[in-house]
Amino acid sequence: MILDFQRDGAAYFPAVLSPEALERLRALADERIARKPGARLDAGDQGLSALLSSKGPIGTLATRLTSAAARPVRATMFDKTPDANWSVAWHQDRVLPVAERIEVEGFGPWSVKDGLLHVAPPFEILARMVTLRVHLDSVDLGNAPLKAALGSHRLGRVPADAATTVAADGEIITCEAQAGDVWAYSTPILHASDRAEPPRRRRVLQVDYADFDLPGGLAWAAA
C-alpha cells in the first residue's frame, strides 16, 4: 500500500537510524525507563537533541511533513516487556504539555500527568502536529504493532465511546517495523495496540513535533 500522509494521516520511513544512533537510543531507554512501561524524556538532552533537531535524522522527517520550523514538543519512551505487556484501546491523543496554566479560549480541561501540566487544545491545534514513532526493536504482528485508522485524522474530535466503531468503519493498517524504522502519524489519528503474544520487548521513542507557537501566551513545556 502506498500511503499519502495528507490523505491517510500515516507514512512509513524505513532504516532511518544508523546502527550507532540505534544503540544510543537503546542505552537511553534502558537508563531512563528502569523497568517502567514508559517515561517522558527531555528533547533537549544531549543524547537526543542531535537526533531530534531539524538537521537530525528524526527531525528531518518532521520538517518534510510540516515545515522547516518543526521542533520537538514532547518525547516519550515506551518499553513493552513481559512484565509490562499492556493493550491500548482505540483513541486519539488529545492533550499537550505546557509550561504554565494560562486560561485561553478553547483550551481545557487541564490535567497533570507524570508531574507535567497538560491541556486539551482545540482540534485544529492537534491537526497541525505530527507524531513520529521511532522503533528501537523490530515489531512484527505478534509484538503488538500500533494499529491506525487511515483518514481518521480528518474526522475532528471523535467521542471516546465511539472510537472503536469509527475506526472499524474505515481502513485499518497494522504498522510493522524493523529496528531503526520510523512511522509518522498525524497526531490526532485514531490508534490502538494489543498485548504482545508471546510477550517480548518493544522499545519505541515517540516524539511529537509542531512548527508553530501556542496562542494567548501559552508555551510548550519543551520550548
N, C-alpha and C. Protein backbone atom coordinates (compact mmCIF):
# COMPACT_ATOMS: atom_id res chain seq x y z
N MET A 1 0.84 -1.19 0.00
CA MET A 1 0.00 0.00 0.00
C MET A 1 0.88 1.25 0.00
N ILE A 2 0.57 2.19 -0.89
CA ILE A 2 1.27 3.46 -0.93
C ILE A 2 0.46 4.47 -0.13
N LEU A 3 1.07 4.97 0.94
CA LEU A 3 0.38 5.90 1.82
C LEU A 3 0.68 7.34 1.43
N ASP A 4 -0.33 8.17 1.53
CA ASP A 4 -0.19 9.62 1.35
C ASP A 4 -0.46 10.27 2.70
N PHE A 5 0.52 10.99 3.23
CA PHE A 5 0.40 11.48 4.60
C PHE A 5 -0.79 12.42 4.78
N GLN A 6 -1.02 13.33 3.85
CA GLN A 6 -2.12 14.26 3.97
C GLN A 6 -3.47 13.54 3.92
N ARG A 7 -3.59 12.57 3.05
CA ARG A 7 -4.85 11.85 2.89
C ARG A 7 -5.06 10.82 4.00
N ASP A 8 -4.02 10.03 4.29
CA ASP A 8 -4.16 8.88 5.18
C ASP A 8 -3.80 9.19 6.63
N GLY A 9 -2.94 10.20 6.84
CA GLY A 9 -2.51 10.51 8.19
C GLY A 9 -1.40 9.64 8.70
N ALA A 10 -0.74 8.88 7.81
CA ALA A 10 0.35 7.99 8.21
C ALA A 10 1.35 7.86 7.08
N ALA A 11 2.61 7.63 7.46
CA ALA A 11 3.67 7.40 6.48
C ALA A 11 4.75 6.56 7.13
N TYR A 12 5.45 5.77 6.32
CA TYR A 12 6.45 4.83 6.81
C TYR A 12 7.81 5.17 6.22
N PHE A 13 8.83 5.23 7.09
CA PHE A 13 10.19 5.57 6.67
C PHE A 13 11.13 4.48 7.18
N PRO A 14 11.60 3.60 6.30
CA PRO A 14 12.49 2.52 6.74
C PRO A 14 13.93 2.99 6.93
N ALA A 15 14.63 2.29 7.83
CA ALA A 15 16.08 2.44 8.01
C ALA A 15 16.50 3.89 8.20
N VAL A 16 15.83 4.59 9.10
CA VAL A 16 16.15 5.99 9.36
C VAL A 16 17.39 6.11 10.25
N LEU A 17 17.52 5.25 11.24
CA LEU A 17 18.62 5.36 12.20
C LEU A 17 19.81 4.52 11.80
N SER A 18 20.99 5.07 12.02
CA SER A 18 22.22 4.30 11.86
C SER A 18 22.34 3.32 13.01
N PRO A 19 23.16 2.26 12.86
CA PRO A 19 23.36 1.34 13.99
C PRO A 19 23.86 2.04 15.24
N GLU A 20 24.70 3.07 15.07
CA GLU A 20 25.24 3.79 16.22
C GLU A 20 24.14 4.58 16.94
N ALA A 21 23.30 5.27 16.16
CA ALA A 21 22.20 6.02 16.76
C ALA A 21 21.21 5.10 17.45
N LEU A 22 20.96 3.95 16.85
CA LEU A 22 20.04 2.98 17.43
C LEU A 22 20.55 2.50 18.78
N GLU A 23 21.84 2.21 18.88
CA GLU A 23 22.40 1.75 20.14
C GLU A 23 22.36 2.84 21.21
N ARG A 24 22.57 4.11 20.79
CA ARG A 24 22.50 5.22 21.76
C ARG A 24 21.09 5.33 22.33
N LEU A 25 20.09 5.19 21.48
CA LEU A 25 18.71 5.29 21.96
C LEU A 25 18.32 4.10 22.82
N ARG A 26 18.81 2.92 22.48
CA ARG A 26 18.54 1.76 23.32
C ARG A 26 19.15 1.93 24.71
N ALA A 27 20.36 2.46 24.76
CA ALA A 27 21.00 2.70 26.05
C ALA A 27 20.22 3.74 26.85
N LEU A 28 19.74 4.78 26.16
CA LEU A 28 18.93 5.81 26.83
C LEU A 28 17.64 5.22 27.37
N ALA A 29 17.01 4.35 26.58
CA ALA A 29 15.78 3.69 27.04
C ALA A 29 16.03 2.88 28.29
N ASP A 30 17.10 2.12 28.30
CA ASP A 30 17.39 1.28 29.46
C ASP A 30 17.71 2.13 30.69
N GLU A 31 18.34 3.29 30.46
CA GLU A 31 18.69 4.17 31.57
C GLU A 31 17.48 4.88 32.15
N ARG A 32 16.60 5.39 31.29
CA ARG A 32 15.51 6.25 31.75
C ARG A 32 14.26 5.48 32.18
N ILE A 33 13.98 4.37 31.52
CA ILE A 33 12.71 3.70 31.81
C ILE A 33 12.80 2.88 33.09
N ALA A 34 13.91 2.15 33.27
CA ALA A 34 14.15 1.42 34.52
C ALA A 34 12.96 0.54 34.91
N ARG A 35 12.57 -0.35 34.01
CA ARG A 35 11.52 -1.34 34.25
C ARG A 35 10.12 -0.75 34.35
N LYS A 36 9.95 0.49 33.95
CA LYS A 36 8.61 1.08 33.89
C LYS A 36 8.07 0.92 32.47
N PRO A 37 6.74 1.05 32.29
CA PRO A 37 6.20 0.97 30.93
C PRO A 37 6.67 2.09 30.02
N GLY A 38 7.00 3.23 30.62
CA GLY A 38 7.43 4.35 29.79
C GLY A 38 7.88 5.51 30.65
N ALA A 39 8.48 6.50 30.00
CA ALA A 39 8.96 7.67 30.71
C ALA A 39 9.06 8.83 29.73
N ARG A 40 8.75 10.04 30.25
CA ARG A 40 8.90 11.23 29.42
C ARG A 40 10.36 11.65 29.42
N LEU A 41 10.86 12.07 28.27
CA LEU A 41 12.24 12.49 28.11
C LEU A 41 12.29 13.99 27.84
N ASP A 42 13.44 14.58 28.08
CA ASP A 42 13.69 15.97 27.72
C ASP A 42 14.29 15.98 26.33
N ALA A 43 13.56 16.56 25.37
CA ALA A 43 14.03 16.56 23.98
C ALA A 43 15.33 17.31 23.81
N GLY A 44 15.70 18.13 24.79
CA GLY A 44 16.95 18.86 24.71
C GLY A 44 18.14 18.12 25.29
N ASP A 45 17.92 16.92 25.83
CA ASP A 45 19.03 16.15 26.37
C ASP A 45 20.09 15.93 25.30
N GLN A 46 21.34 15.93 25.74
CA GLN A 46 22.44 15.80 24.80
C GLN A 46 22.31 14.53 23.94
N GLY A 47 21.82 13.46 24.53
CA GLY A 47 21.70 12.23 23.79
C GLY A 47 20.59 12.23 22.76
N LEU A 48 19.67 13.20 22.87
CA LEU A 48 18.53 13.25 21.96
C LEU A 48 18.56 14.41 20.98
N SER A 49 19.06 15.54 21.42
CA SER A 49 18.88 16.77 20.66
C SER A 49 19.41 16.67 19.23
N ALA A 50 20.56 16.03 19.05
CA ALA A 50 21.13 15.94 17.71
C ALA A 50 20.27 15.09 16.79
N LEU A 51 19.59 14.09 17.34
CA LEU A 51 18.73 13.23 16.53
C LEU A 51 17.40 13.90 16.22
N LEU A 52 16.89 14.69 17.18
CA LEU A 52 15.55 15.25 17.04
C LEU A 52 15.53 16.62 16.38
N SER A 53 16.67 17.28 16.28
CA SER A 53 16.69 18.62 15.69
C SER A 53 16.36 18.55 14.21
N SER A 54 16.11 19.71 13.62
CA SER A 54 15.70 19.77 12.21
C SER A 54 16.78 19.25 11.27
N LYS A 55 18.02 19.15 11.75
CA LYS A 55 19.11 18.63 10.93
C LYS A 55 19.44 17.17 11.23
N GLY A 56 18.75 16.61 12.23
CA GLY A 56 18.99 15.22 12.60
C GLY A 56 18.12 14.28 11.80
N PRO A 57 18.39 12.98 11.85
CA PRO A 57 17.64 12.03 11.02
C PRO A 57 16.16 11.93 11.37
N ILE A 58 15.81 12.16 12.64
CA ILE A 58 14.41 12.11 13.03
C ILE A 58 13.73 13.44 12.76
N GLY A 59 14.36 14.53 13.19
CA GLY A 59 13.78 15.85 12.97
C GLY A 59 13.60 16.18 11.51
N THR A 60 14.49 15.69 10.66
CA THR A 60 14.36 15.94 9.22
C THR A 60 13.03 15.43 8.68
N LEU A 61 12.58 14.28 9.18
CA LEU A 61 11.29 13.75 8.74
C LEU A 61 10.16 14.70 9.12
N ALA A 62 10.23 15.26 10.34
CA ALA A 62 9.19 16.19 10.79
C ALA A 62 9.14 17.42 9.91
N THR A 63 10.30 17.93 9.50
CA THR A 63 10.30 19.11 8.63
C THR A 63 9.72 18.78 7.26
N ARG A 64 9.96 17.58 6.79
CA ARG A 64 9.39 17.17 5.50
C ARG A 64 7.86 17.12 5.54
N LEU A 65 7.32 16.75 6.69
CA LEU A 65 5.88 16.58 6.81
C LEU A 65 5.16 17.84 7.28
N THR A 66 5.90 18.80 7.82
CA THR A 66 5.30 20.06 8.28
C THR A 66 6.02 21.23 7.60
N SER A 67 7.05 21.75 8.26
CA SER A 67 7.84 22.84 7.66
C SER A 67 9.20 22.88 8.34
N ALA A 68 10.06 23.74 7.85
CA ALA A 68 11.41 23.86 8.40
C ALA A 68 11.40 24.35 9.85
N ALA A 69 10.27 24.88 10.31
CA ALA A 69 10.17 25.39 11.69
C ALA A 69 9.83 24.30 12.70
N ALA A 70 9.65 23.06 12.26
CA ALA A 70 9.23 21.98 13.17
C ALA A 70 10.25 21.78 14.28
N ARG A 71 9.75 21.60 15.50
CA ARG A 71 10.60 21.33 16.65
C ARG A 71 9.89 20.32 17.57
N PRO A 72 10.66 19.52 18.30
CA PRO A 72 10.03 18.54 19.20
C PRO A 72 9.41 19.23 20.42
N VAL A 73 8.17 18.88 20.73
CA VAL A 73 7.48 19.47 21.88
C VAL A 73 7.13 18.42 22.95
N ARG A 74 7.35 17.16 22.63
CA ARG A 74 7.15 16.10 23.63
C ARG A 74 7.88 14.86 23.14
N ALA A 75 8.60 14.21 24.06
CA ALA A 75 9.30 12.97 23.73
C ALA A 75 9.05 11.96 24.84
N THR A 76 8.62 10.77 24.46
CA THR A 76 8.28 9.73 25.43
C THR A 76 8.88 8.42 24.96
N MET A 77 9.45 7.67 25.88
CA MET A 77 9.97 6.34 25.57
C MET A 77 9.04 5.30 26.16
N PHE A 78 8.63 4.33 25.34
CA PHE A 78 7.79 3.23 25.80
C PHE A 78 8.58 1.93 25.73
N ASP A 79 8.32 1.04 26.67
CA ASP A 79 9.02 -0.24 26.70
C ASP A 79 8.03 -1.33 27.10
N LYS A 80 7.49 -2.00 26.09
CA LYS A 80 6.56 -3.10 26.36
C LYS A 80 7.38 -4.37 26.56
N THR A 81 7.25 -4.99 27.72
CA THR A 81 8.04 -6.15 28.11
C THR A 81 7.10 -7.24 28.64
N PRO A 82 7.63 -8.44 28.90
CA PRO A 82 6.78 -9.47 29.51
C PRO A 82 6.17 -9.04 30.84
N ASP A 83 6.85 -8.14 31.56
CA ASP A 83 6.33 -7.67 32.85
C ASP A 83 5.44 -6.44 32.71
N ALA A 84 5.47 -5.78 31.56
CA ALA A 84 4.63 -4.61 31.30
C ALA A 84 4.07 -4.76 29.89
N ASN A 85 3.08 -5.61 29.78
CA ASN A 85 2.55 -6.01 28.47
C ASN A 85 1.10 -5.58 28.40
N TRP A 86 0.88 -4.32 28.03
CA TRP A 86 -0.44 -3.73 28.10
C TRP A 86 -1.07 -3.64 26.72
N SER A 87 -2.36 -3.40 26.71
CA SER A 87 -3.07 -3.09 25.47
C SER A 87 -3.64 -1.69 25.58
N VAL A 88 -3.86 -1.05 24.43
CA VAL A 88 -4.39 0.30 24.39
C VAL A 88 -5.59 0.31 23.45
N ALA A 89 -6.75 0.73 23.96
CA ALA A 89 -7.96 0.78 23.15
C ALA A 89 -7.87 1.91 22.13
N TRP A 90 -8.76 1.88 21.14
CA TRP A 90 -8.79 2.93 20.12
C TRP A 90 -9.02 4.29 20.76
N HIS A 91 -8.19 5.26 20.36
CA HIS A 91 -8.30 6.59 20.95
C HIS A 91 -7.55 7.60 20.09
N GLN A 92 -7.75 8.88 20.39
CA GLN A 92 -6.96 9.97 19.85
C GLN A 92 -6.12 10.56 20.97
N ASP A 93 -4.90 11.01 20.64
CA ASP A 93 -4.13 11.79 21.60
C ASP A 93 -4.73 13.19 21.65
N ARG A 94 -5.06 13.67 22.84
CA ARG A 94 -5.88 14.89 22.95
C ARG A 94 -5.28 16.00 23.80
N VAL A 95 -4.18 15.74 24.49
CA VAL A 95 -3.65 16.77 25.38
C VAL A 95 -2.21 17.10 25.02
N LEU A 96 -1.79 18.30 25.44
CA LEU A 96 -0.45 18.79 25.15
C LEU A 96 0.23 19.22 26.44
N PRO A 97 1.55 19.06 26.54
CA PRO A 97 2.29 19.56 27.71
C PRO A 97 2.60 21.04 27.56
N VAL A 98 2.28 21.82 28.58
CA VAL A 98 2.54 23.26 28.53
C VAL A 98 3.31 23.69 29.76
N ALA A 99 3.96 24.86 29.66
CA ALA A 99 4.85 25.32 30.72
C ALA A 99 4.09 25.84 31.94
N GLU A 100 2.96 26.52 31.73
CA GLU A 100 2.18 27.06 32.85
C GLU A 100 0.73 27.21 32.43
N ARG A 101 -0.13 27.32 33.45
CA ARG A 101 -1.55 27.44 33.18
C ARG A 101 -1.92 28.88 32.87
N ILE A 102 -2.42 29.10 31.68
CA ILE A 102 -2.95 30.39 31.24
C ILE A 102 -4.28 30.10 30.57
N GLU A 103 -5.32 30.74 31.05
CA GLU A 103 -6.64 30.47 30.50
C GLU A 103 -6.78 31.11 29.12
N VAL A 104 -6.96 30.25 28.11
CA VAL A 104 -7.13 30.68 26.72
C VAL A 104 -8.39 30.02 26.19
N GLU A 105 -9.22 30.79 25.51
CA GLU A 105 -10.48 30.27 24.99
C GLU A 105 -10.24 29.04 24.12
N GLY A 106 -11.01 28.00 24.38
CA GLY A 106 -10.93 26.77 23.61
C GLY A 106 -9.96 25.75 24.18
N PHE A 107 -9.15 26.13 25.16
CA PHE A 107 -8.18 25.22 25.76
C PHE A 107 -8.72 24.72 27.10
N GLY A 108 -8.79 23.41 27.27
CA GLY A 108 -9.26 22.80 28.50
C GLY A 108 -10.03 21.52 28.19
N PRO A 109 -10.17 20.64 29.16
CA PRO A 109 -9.77 20.78 30.57
C PRO A 109 -8.26 20.62 30.78
N TRP A 110 -7.85 20.91 32.02
CA TRP A 110 -6.47 20.83 32.41
C TRP A 110 -6.23 19.56 33.23
N SER A 111 -4.99 19.06 33.20
CA SER A 111 -4.65 17.87 33.98
C SER A 111 -3.15 17.87 34.24
N VAL A 112 -2.74 17.01 35.17
CA VAL A 112 -1.32 16.81 35.46
C VAL A 112 -1.00 15.34 35.22
N LYS A 113 0.00 15.10 34.39
CA LYS A 113 0.40 13.73 34.05
C LYS A 113 1.90 13.62 34.19
N ASP A 114 2.35 12.65 34.99
CA ASP A 114 3.79 12.47 35.24
C ASP A 114 4.43 13.76 35.75
N GLY A 115 3.68 14.51 36.55
CA GLY A 115 4.19 15.73 37.13
C GLY A 115 4.23 16.91 36.19
N LEU A 116 3.66 16.78 35.00
CA LEU A 116 3.71 17.82 33.99
C LEU A 116 2.30 18.31 33.68
N LEU A 117 2.15 19.62 33.54
CA LEU A 117 0.86 20.23 33.26
C LEU A 117 0.46 19.97 31.80
N HIS A 118 -0.76 19.52 31.60
CA HIS A 118 -1.29 19.26 30.26
C HIS A 118 -2.62 19.99 30.08
N VAL A 119 -2.94 20.28 28.82
CA VAL A 119 -4.21 20.89 28.49
C VAL A 119 -4.72 20.30 27.18
N ALA A 120 -6.04 20.17 27.06
CA ALA A 120 -6.65 19.74 25.81
C ALA A 120 -6.88 20.96 24.93
N PRO A 121 -6.26 21.02 23.75
CA PRO A 121 -6.40 22.18 22.88
C PRO A 121 -7.56 22.01 21.91
N PRO A 122 -7.92 23.05 21.18
CA PRO A 122 -8.86 22.86 20.07
C PRO A 122 -8.29 21.85 19.07
N PHE A 123 -9.17 21.15 18.38
CA PHE A 123 -8.74 20.09 17.48
C PHE A 123 -7.79 20.60 16.41
N GLU A 124 -8.00 21.82 15.93
CA GLU A 124 -7.16 22.32 14.84
C GLU A 124 -5.70 22.47 15.26
N ILE A 125 -5.44 22.59 16.55
CA ILE A 125 -4.05 22.63 17.03
C ILE A 125 -3.41 21.25 16.84
N LEU A 126 -4.09 20.21 17.28
CA LEU A 126 -3.58 18.86 17.12
C LEU A 126 -3.40 18.50 15.65
N ALA A 127 -4.32 18.98 14.81
CA ALA A 127 -4.28 18.62 13.39
C ALA A 127 -3.07 19.19 12.68
N ARG A 128 -2.42 20.17 13.27
CA ARG A 128 -1.23 20.77 12.66
C ARG A 128 0.05 20.07 13.11
N MET A 129 -0.05 19.09 13.99
CA MET A 129 1.12 18.43 14.56
C MET A 129 1.38 17.08 13.89
N VAL A 130 2.59 16.59 14.08
CA VAL A 130 2.96 15.27 13.57
C VAL A 130 3.63 14.49 14.69
N THR A 131 3.35 13.21 14.75
CA THR A 131 3.93 12.31 15.75
C THR A 131 4.80 11.28 15.05
N LEU A 132 6.03 11.14 15.51
CA LEU A 132 6.96 10.16 14.95
C LEU A 132 7.21 9.06 15.97
N ARG A 133 7.09 7.81 15.54
CA ARG A 133 7.38 6.66 16.40
C ARG A 133 8.63 5.97 15.85
N VAL A 134 9.68 6.04 16.65
CA VAL A 134 11.00 5.53 16.27
C VAL A 134 11.17 4.15 16.92
N HIS A 135 11.31 3.13 16.10
CA HIS A 135 11.34 1.75 16.62
C HIS A 135 12.76 1.34 16.96
N LEU A 136 12.96 0.98 18.23
CA LEU A 136 14.26 0.53 18.69
C LEU A 136 14.38 -0.98 18.66
N ASP A 137 13.26 -1.66 18.52
CA ASP A 137 13.21 -3.12 18.35
C ASP A 137 12.30 -3.42 17.18
N SER A 138 12.53 -4.55 16.52
CA SER A 138 11.65 -4.95 15.44
C SER A 138 10.27 -5.30 16.00
N VAL A 139 9.25 -4.97 15.23
CA VAL A 139 7.86 -5.18 15.65
C VAL A 139 7.13 -5.95 14.55
N ASP A 140 6.77 -7.22 14.85
CA ASP A 140 6.00 -8.00 13.90
C ASP A 140 4.56 -8.10 14.38
N LEU A 141 3.77 -8.91 13.70
CA LEU A 141 2.35 -8.99 14.03
C LEU A 141 2.09 -9.47 15.45
N GLY A 142 3.01 -10.27 16.00
CA GLY A 142 2.81 -10.78 17.35
C GLY A 142 3.35 -9.89 18.44
N ASN A 143 4.09 -8.83 18.06
CA ASN A 143 4.74 -8.00 19.06
C ASN A 143 4.06 -6.64 19.22
N ALA A 144 2.73 -6.66 19.13
CA ALA A 144 1.89 -5.50 19.44
C ALA A 144 2.22 -4.26 18.62
N PRO A 145 2.24 -4.36 17.28
CA PRO A 145 2.45 -3.15 16.48
C PRO A 145 1.26 -2.19 16.64
N LEU A 146 1.54 -0.92 16.45
CA LEU A 146 0.45 0.05 16.50
C LEU A 146 -0.50 -0.21 15.35
N LYS A 147 -1.78 -0.02 15.60
CA LYS A 147 -2.80 -0.04 14.54
C LYS A 147 -3.33 1.38 14.38
N ALA A 148 -3.53 1.81 13.15
CA ALA A 148 -4.01 3.16 12.89
C ALA A 148 -5.16 3.11 11.90
N ALA A 149 -6.15 3.97 12.11
CA ALA A 149 -7.32 4.06 11.23
C ALA A 149 -7.06 5.16 10.21
N LEU A 150 -6.79 4.77 8.98
CA LEU A 150 -6.41 5.73 7.95
C LEU A 150 -7.52 6.76 7.72
N GLY A 151 -7.12 8.01 7.60
CA GLY A 151 -8.06 9.09 7.34
C GLY A 151 -8.79 9.61 8.55
N SER A 152 -8.63 8.95 9.70
CA SER A 152 -9.39 9.38 10.88
C SER A 152 -8.89 10.70 11.45
N HIS A 153 -7.70 11.15 11.02
CA HIS A 153 -7.20 12.45 11.48
C HIS A 153 -8.00 13.60 10.92
N ARG A 154 -8.85 13.32 9.91
CA ARG A 154 -9.66 14.37 9.27
C ARG A 154 -11.09 14.39 9.79
N LEU A 155 -11.38 13.61 10.82
CA LEU A 155 -12.76 13.47 11.31
C LEU A 155 -13.08 14.42 12.45
N GLY A 156 -12.11 15.20 12.90
CA GLY A 156 -12.34 16.04 14.07
C GLY A 156 -12.25 15.21 15.35
N ARG A 157 -12.70 15.79 16.44
CA ARG A 157 -12.65 15.10 17.73
C ARG A 157 -13.69 13.99 17.76
N VAL A 158 -13.23 12.76 17.94
CA VAL A 158 -14.11 11.59 17.97
C VAL A 158 -14.43 11.26 19.43
N PRO A 159 -15.72 11.17 19.81
CA PRO A 159 -16.05 10.80 21.20
C PRO A 159 -15.37 9.50 21.59
N ALA A 160 -14.88 9.43 22.82
CA ALA A 160 -14.13 8.26 23.27
C ALA A 160 -14.95 6.98 23.13
N ASP A 161 -16.26 7.07 23.42
CA ASP A 161 -17.08 5.86 23.37
C ASP A 161 -17.45 5.46 21.95
N ALA A 162 -17.07 6.27 20.96
CA ALA A 162 -17.34 5.94 19.56
C ALA A 162 -16.07 5.57 18.80
N ALA A 163 -14.90 5.65 19.46
CA ALA A 163 -13.63 5.48 18.76
C ALA A 163 -13.50 4.11 18.10
N THR A 164 -13.89 3.06 18.80
CA THR A 164 -13.75 1.71 18.23
C THR A 164 -14.64 1.54 17.01
N THR A 165 -15.86 2.03 17.08
CA THR A 165 -16.78 1.92 15.95
C THR A 165 -16.30 2.74 14.76
N VAL A 166 -15.84 3.95 15.02
CA VAL A 166 -15.37 4.81 13.94
C VAL A 166 -14.15 4.19 13.26
N ALA A 167 -13.22 3.66 14.06
CA ALA A 167 -12.05 3.02 13.47
C ALA A 167 -12.43 1.83 12.60
N ALA A 168 -13.38 1.03 13.06
CA ALA A 168 -13.79 -0.16 12.31
C ALA A 168 -14.50 0.18 11.01
N ASP A 169 -15.06 1.38 10.92
CA ASP A 169 -15.76 1.79 9.71
C ASP A 169 -14.80 2.17 8.58
N GLY A 170 -13.53 2.38 8.91
CA GLY A 170 -12.55 2.78 7.90
C GLY A 170 -11.53 1.69 7.65
N GLU A 171 -10.44 2.06 6.99
CA GLU A 171 -9.37 1.12 6.69
C GLU A 171 -8.33 1.19 7.80
N ILE A 172 -7.98 0.03 8.35
CA ILE A 172 -7.03 -0.05 9.45
C ILE A 172 -5.73 -0.68 8.94
N ILE A 173 -4.60 -0.05 9.29
CA ILE A 173 -3.31 -0.62 8.96
C ILE A 173 -2.62 -1.09 10.23
N THR A 174 -1.83 -2.13 10.11
CA THR A 174 -1.02 -2.64 11.20
C THR A 174 0.43 -2.29 10.90
N CYS A 175 1.06 -1.55 11.80
CA CYS A 175 2.32 -0.86 11.49
C CYS A 175 3.52 -1.68 11.96
N GLU A 176 3.83 -2.72 11.21
CA GLU A 176 5.04 -3.49 11.48
C GLU A 176 6.27 -2.66 11.14
N ALA A 177 7.40 -3.00 11.77
CA ALA A 177 8.61 -2.22 11.55
C ALA A 177 9.84 -3.04 11.93
N GLN A 178 10.97 -2.65 11.35
CA GLN A 178 12.27 -3.16 11.76
C GLN A 178 12.93 -2.13 12.68
N ALA A 179 13.87 -2.57 13.50
CA ALA A 179 14.60 -1.65 14.36
C ALA A 179 15.27 -0.58 13.50
N GLY A 180 15.08 0.68 13.88
CA GLY A 180 15.63 1.80 13.12
C GLY A 180 14.64 2.44 12.17
N ASP A 181 13.47 1.81 11.98
CA ASP A 181 12.42 2.39 11.13
C ASP A 181 11.62 3.41 11.91
N VAL A 182 10.92 4.31 11.18
CA VAL A 182 10.07 5.33 11.78
C VAL A 182 8.71 5.33 11.11
N TRP A 183 7.67 5.30 11.91
CA TRP A 183 6.31 5.56 11.43
C TRP A 183 5.92 6.97 11.83
N ALA A 184 5.33 7.70 10.91
CA ALA A 184 4.84 9.05 11.17
C ALA A 184 3.33 9.06 11.11
N TYR A 185 2.71 9.83 12.02
CA TYR A 185 1.26 9.94 12.07
C TYR A 185 0.85 11.38 12.27
N SER A 186 -0.27 11.76 11.69
CA SER A 186 -0.91 12.99 12.10
C SER A 186 -1.35 12.79 13.55
N THR A 187 -1.00 13.70 14.43
CA THR A 187 -1.16 13.48 15.87
C THR A 187 -2.57 13.04 16.28
N PRO A 188 -3.67 13.57 15.70
CA PRO A 188 -4.99 13.13 16.17
C PRO A 188 -5.53 11.86 15.52
N ILE A 189 -4.71 11.10 14.80
CA ILE A 189 -5.22 9.88 14.17
C ILE A 189 -5.69 8.89 15.24
N LEU A 190 -6.74 8.15 14.95
CA LEU A 190 -7.18 7.09 15.85
C LEU A 190 -6.18 5.94 15.79
N HIS A 191 -5.78 5.45 16.97
CA HIS A 191 -4.80 4.37 17.01
C HIS A 191 -5.04 3.49 18.23
N ALA A 192 -4.45 2.30 18.20
CA ALA A 192 -4.62 1.31 19.27
C ALA A 192 -3.48 0.31 19.18
N SER A 193 -3.32 -0.51 20.22
CA SER A 193 -2.38 -1.63 20.14
C SER A 193 -2.85 -2.73 21.09
N ASP A 194 -2.47 -3.97 20.74
CA ASP A 194 -2.84 -5.13 21.54
C ASP A 194 -1.69 -5.51 22.46
N ARG A 195 -1.92 -6.48 23.32
CA ARG A 195 -0.85 -7.09 24.09
C ARG A 195 0.02 -7.93 23.15
N ALA A 196 1.30 -8.01 23.45
CA ALA A 196 2.20 -8.84 22.66
C ALA A 196 1.96 -10.31 22.99
N GLU A 197 1.92 -11.14 21.96
CA GLU A 197 1.71 -12.57 22.14
C GLU A 197 2.67 -13.34 21.23
N PRO A 198 3.71 -13.99 21.82
CA PRO A 198 4.08 -14.02 23.24
C PRO A 198 4.74 -12.71 23.65
N PRO A 199 4.78 -12.41 24.95
CA PRO A 199 5.37 -11.15 25.41
C PRO A 199 6.85 -11.05 25.03
N ARG A 200 7.21 -9.93 24.41
CA ARG A 200 8.60 -9.64 24.05
C ARG A 200 8.84 -8.15 24.22
N ARG A 201 10.10 -7.79 24.21
CA ARG A 201 10.44 -6.38 24.39
C ARG A 201 10.10 -5.60 23.12
N ARG A 202 9.58 -4.37 23.33
CA ARG A 202 9.24 -3.49 22.21
C ARG A 202 9.47 -2.04 22.65
N ARG A 203 10.69 -1.55 22.43
CA ARG A 203 11.03 -0.19 22.81
C ARG A 203 10.74 0.76 21.65
N VAL A 204 10.05 1.87 21.98
CA VAL A 204 9.68 2.87 20.98
C VAL A 204 9.92 4.25 21.56
N LEU A 205 10.55 5.11 20.78
CA LEU A 205 10.65 6.53 21.11
C LEU A 205 9.59 7.27 20.32
N GLN A 206 8.68 7.93 21.02
CA GLN A 206 7.60 8.68 20.36
C GLN A 206 7.83 10.16 20.58
N VAL A 207 7.86 10.92 19.48
CA VAL A 207 8.16 12.34 19.53
C VAL A 207 7.08 13.11 18.79
N ASP A 208 6.49 14.10 19.47
CA ASP A 208 5.51 15.00 18.85
C ASP A 208 6.22 16.27 18.40
N TYR A 209 5.90 16.71 17.18
CA TYR A 209 6.51 17.91 16.62
C TYR A 209 5.43 18.93 16.28
N ALA A 210 5.80 20.20 16.43
CA ALA A 210 4.95 21.32 16.00
C ALA A 210 5.83 22.36 15.34
N ASP A 211 5.29 23.06 14.36
CA ASP A 211 6.05 24.12 13.68
C ASP A 211 5.44 25.49 13.94
N PHE A 212 4.78 25.63 15.13
CA PHE A 212 4.10 26.88 15.46
C PHE A 212 4.13 27.08 16.97
N ASP A 213 3.90 28.32 17.39
CA ASP A 213 3.76 28.65 18.81
C ASP A 213 2.30 28.55 19.21
N LEU A 214 2.07 28.29 20.48
CA LEU A 214 0.71 28.25 21.00
C LEU A 214 0.18 29.66 21.20
N PRO A 215 -1.15 29.86 21.12
CA PRO A 215 -1.72 31.20 21.24
C PRO A 215 -1.89 31.66 22.68
N GLY A 216 -2.15 32.95 22.86
CA GLY A 216 -2.58 33.51 24.14
C GLY A 216 -1.55 33.49 25.24
N GLY A 217 -0.27 33.35 24.90
CA GLY A 217 0.76 33.30 25.92
C GLY A 217 1.10 31.91 26.41
N LEU A 218 0.36 30.88 25.97
CA LEU A 218 0.71 29.52 26.33
C LEU A 218 2.04 29.15 25.67
N ALA A 219 2.82 28.32 26.36
CA ALA A 219 4.12 27.90 25.84
C ALA A 219 4.27 26.40 25.98
N TRP A 220 4.88 25.78 24.99
CA TRP A 220 5.17 24.36 25.06
C TRP A 220 6.07 24.09 26.27
N ALA A 221 5.82 22.98 26.94
CA ALA A 221 6.66 22.63 28.10
C ALA A 221 8.09 22.37 27.67
N ALA A 222 8.29 21.92 26.44
CA ALA A 222 9.63 21.61 25.96
C ALA A 222 10.29 22.78 25.26
N ALA A 223 9.61 23.95 25.19
CA ALA A 223 10.16 25.08 24.44
C ALA A 223 11.33 25.71 25.19
